[in-house]
Amino acid sequence: MVFEGLGLIWNSLILLASIIIVVIASDVTINNAVKVSNMTGFGKTTIGFILVGFATSLPELSVVIFGASSEKIG
């Protein structure tokens, strides 16, 4: 693994920083989704469904794109 040699304290700090980043990013995402909902007139639930659908499909899309781009032609 990448962080094996860092030790328990550094790995704990990386985990804590990652959790803080996820909390901040989710707060920003929710605030912007509410703004988009207000600007477009769609309901908040509709925007939420669109975000969840996009977020669950994005990993599969990236795998397909990377797989197709690394495939040798001929």
C-alpha atoms as a PDB file:
ATOM      1  CA  MET A   1       0.000   0.000   0.000  1.00  0.00           C
ATOM      2  CA  VAL A   2       1.025   3.585  -0.480  1.00  0.00           C
ATOM      3  CA  PHE A   3       0.858   4.681   3.151  1.00  0.00           C
ATOM      4  CA  GLU A   4       2.211   1.555   4.869  1.00  0.00           C
ATOM      5  CA  GLY A   5       5.487   3.117   5.949  1.00  0.00           C
ATOM      6  CA  LEU A   6       3.941   6.216   7.509  1.00  0.00           C
ATOM      7  CA  GLY A   7       2.793   4.637  10.739  1.00  0.00           C
ATOM      8  CA  LEU A   8      -0.421   4.687  12.694  1.00  0.00           C
ATOM      9  CA  ILE A   9      -0.408   8.390  13.611  1.00  0.00           C
ATOM     10  CA  TRP A  10       0.113   9.646  10.054  1.00  0.00           C
ATOM     11  CA  ASN A  11      -2.495   7.244   8.696  1.00  0.00           C
ATOM     12  CA  SER A  12      -4.931   8.438  11.369  1.00  0.00           C
ATOM     13  CA  LEU A  13      -4.270  12.052  10.375  1.00  0.00           C
ATOM     14  CA  ILE A  14      -4.824  11.209   6.712  1.00  0.00           C
ATOM     15  CA  LEU A  15      -8.099   9.497   7.627  1.00  0.00           C
ATOM     16  CA  LEU A  16      -9.219  12.489   9.694  1.00  0.00           C
ATOM     17  CA  ALA A  17      -8.327  14.933   6.910  1.00  0.00           C
ATOM     18  CA  SER A  18     -10.210  12.776   4.402  1.00  0.00           C
ATOM     19  CA  ILE A  19     -13.319  12.726   6.575  1.00  0.00           C
ATOM     20  CA  ILE A  20     -13.179  16.516   6.986  1.00  0.00           C
ATOM     21  CA  ILE A  21     -12.834  16.974   3.223  1.00  0.00           C
ATOM     22  CA  VAL A  22     -15.821  14.682   2.568  1.00  0.00           C
ATOM     23  CA  VAL A  23     -17.966  16.603   5.077  1.00  0.00           C
ATOM     24  CA  ILE A  24     -17.050  19.977   3.544  1.00  0.00           C
ATOM     25  CA  ALA A  25     -17.535  18.730  -0.026  1.00  0.00           C
ATOM     26  CA  SER A  26     -20.941  17.243   0.785  1.00  0.00           C
ATOM     27  CA  ASP A  27     -22.041  20.488   2.432  1.00  0.00           C
ATOM     28  CA  VAL A  28     -20.987  22.496  -0.635  1.00  0.00           C
ATOM     29  CA  THR A  29     -22.731  20.008  -2.929  1.00  0.00           C
ATOM     30  CA  ILE A  30     -25.991  20.174  -1.001  1.00  0.00           C
ATOM     31  CA  ASN A  31     -25.945  23.973  -0.842  1.00  0.00           C
ATOM     32  CA  ASN A  32     -25.337  24.215  -4.590  1.00  0.00           C
ATOM     33  CA  ALA A  33     -28.022  21.619  -5.319  1.00  0.00           C
ATOM     34  CA  VAL A  34     -30.522  23.741  -3.400  1.00  0.00           C
ATOM     35  CA  LYS A  35     -29.435  26.808  -5.412  1.00  0.00           C
ATOM     36  CA  VAL A  36     -29.867  24.894  -8.680  1.00  0.00           C
ATOM     37  CA  SER A  37     -33.281  23.734  -7.510  1.00  0.00           C
ATOM     38  CA  ASN A  38     -34.354  27.292  -6.780  1.00  0.00           C
ATOM     39  CA  MET A  39     -32.978  28.650 -10.066  1.00  0.00           C
ATOM     40  CA  THR A  40     -34.480  25.971 -12.320  1.00  0.00           C
ATOM     41  CA  GLY A  41     -37.807  25.489 -10.577  1.00  0.00           C
ATOM     42  CA  PHE A  42     -37.304  21.753 -10.187  1.00  0.00           C
ATOM     43  CA  GLY A  43     -38.009  20.265  -6.806  1.00  0.00           C
ATOM     44  CA  LYS A  44     -35.226  19.510  -4.377  1.00  0.00           C
ATOM     45  CA  THR A  45     -36.089  15.826  -4.543  1.00  0.00           C
ATOM     46  CA  THR A  46     -35.731  15.827  -8.323  1.00  0.00           C
ATOM     47  CA  ILE A  47     -32.304  17.453  -8.138  1.00  0.00           C
ATOM     48  CA  GLY A  48     -31.363  14.962  -5.413  1.00  0.00           C
ATOM     49  CA  PHE A  49     -32.366  12.022  -7.618  1.00  0.00           C
ATOM     50  CA  ILE A  50     -30.332  13.435 -10.496  1.00  0.00           C
ATOM     51  CA  LEU A  51     -27.270  13.864  -8.265  1.00  0.00           C
ATOM     52  CA  VAL A  52     -27.566  10.350  -6.829  1.00  0.00           C
ATOM     53  CA  GLY A  53     -28.000   8.886 -10.302  1.00  0.00           C
ATOM     54  CA  PHE A  54     -24.988  10.771 -11.610  1.00  0.00           C
ATOM     55  CA  ALA A  55     -22.842   9.896  -8.600  1.00  0.00           C
ATOM     56  CA  THR A  56     -23.620   6.192  -8.844  1.00  0.00           C
ATOM     57  CA  SER A  57     -23.038   6.056 -12.614  1.00  0.00           C
ATOM     58  CA  LEU A  58     -19.817   8.074 -12.677  1.00  0.00           C
ATOM     59  CA  PRO A  59     -17.486   5.278 -11.440  1.00  0.00           C
ATOM     60  CA  GLU A  60     -18.807   2.887 -14.091  1.00  0.00           C
ATOM     61  CA  LEU A  61     -18.458   5.555 -16.768  1.00  0.00           C
ATOM     62  CA  SER A  62     -14.867   6.267 -15.806  1.00  0.00           C
ATOM     63  CA  VAL A  63     -13.993   2.548 -15.917  1.00  0.00           C
ATOM     64  CA  VAL A  64     -15.483   2.253 -19.399  1.00  0.00           C
ATOM     65  CA  ILE A  65     -13.663   5.367 -20.637  1.00  0.00           C
ATOM     66  CA  PHE A  66     -10.291   4.260 -19.244  1.00  0.00           C
ATOM     67  CA  GLY A  67     -10.822   0.746 -20.576  1.00  0.00           C
ATOM     68  CA  ALA A  68     -11.722   1.988 -24.052  1.00  0.00           C
ATOM     69  CA  SER A  69      -8.833   4.436 -24.169  1.00  0.00           C
ATOM     70  CA  SER A  70      -6.254   1.810 -23.159  1.00  0.00           C
ATOM     71  CA  GLU A  71      -7.460  -0.762 -25.696  1.00  0.00           C
ATOM     72  CA  LYS A  72      -5.075  -1.218 -28.589  1.00  0.00           C
ATOM     73  CA  ILE A  73      -6.569  -0.916 -32.023  1.00  0.00           C
ATOM     74  CA  GLY A  74      -5.396  -3.379 -34.666  1.00  0.00           C
END
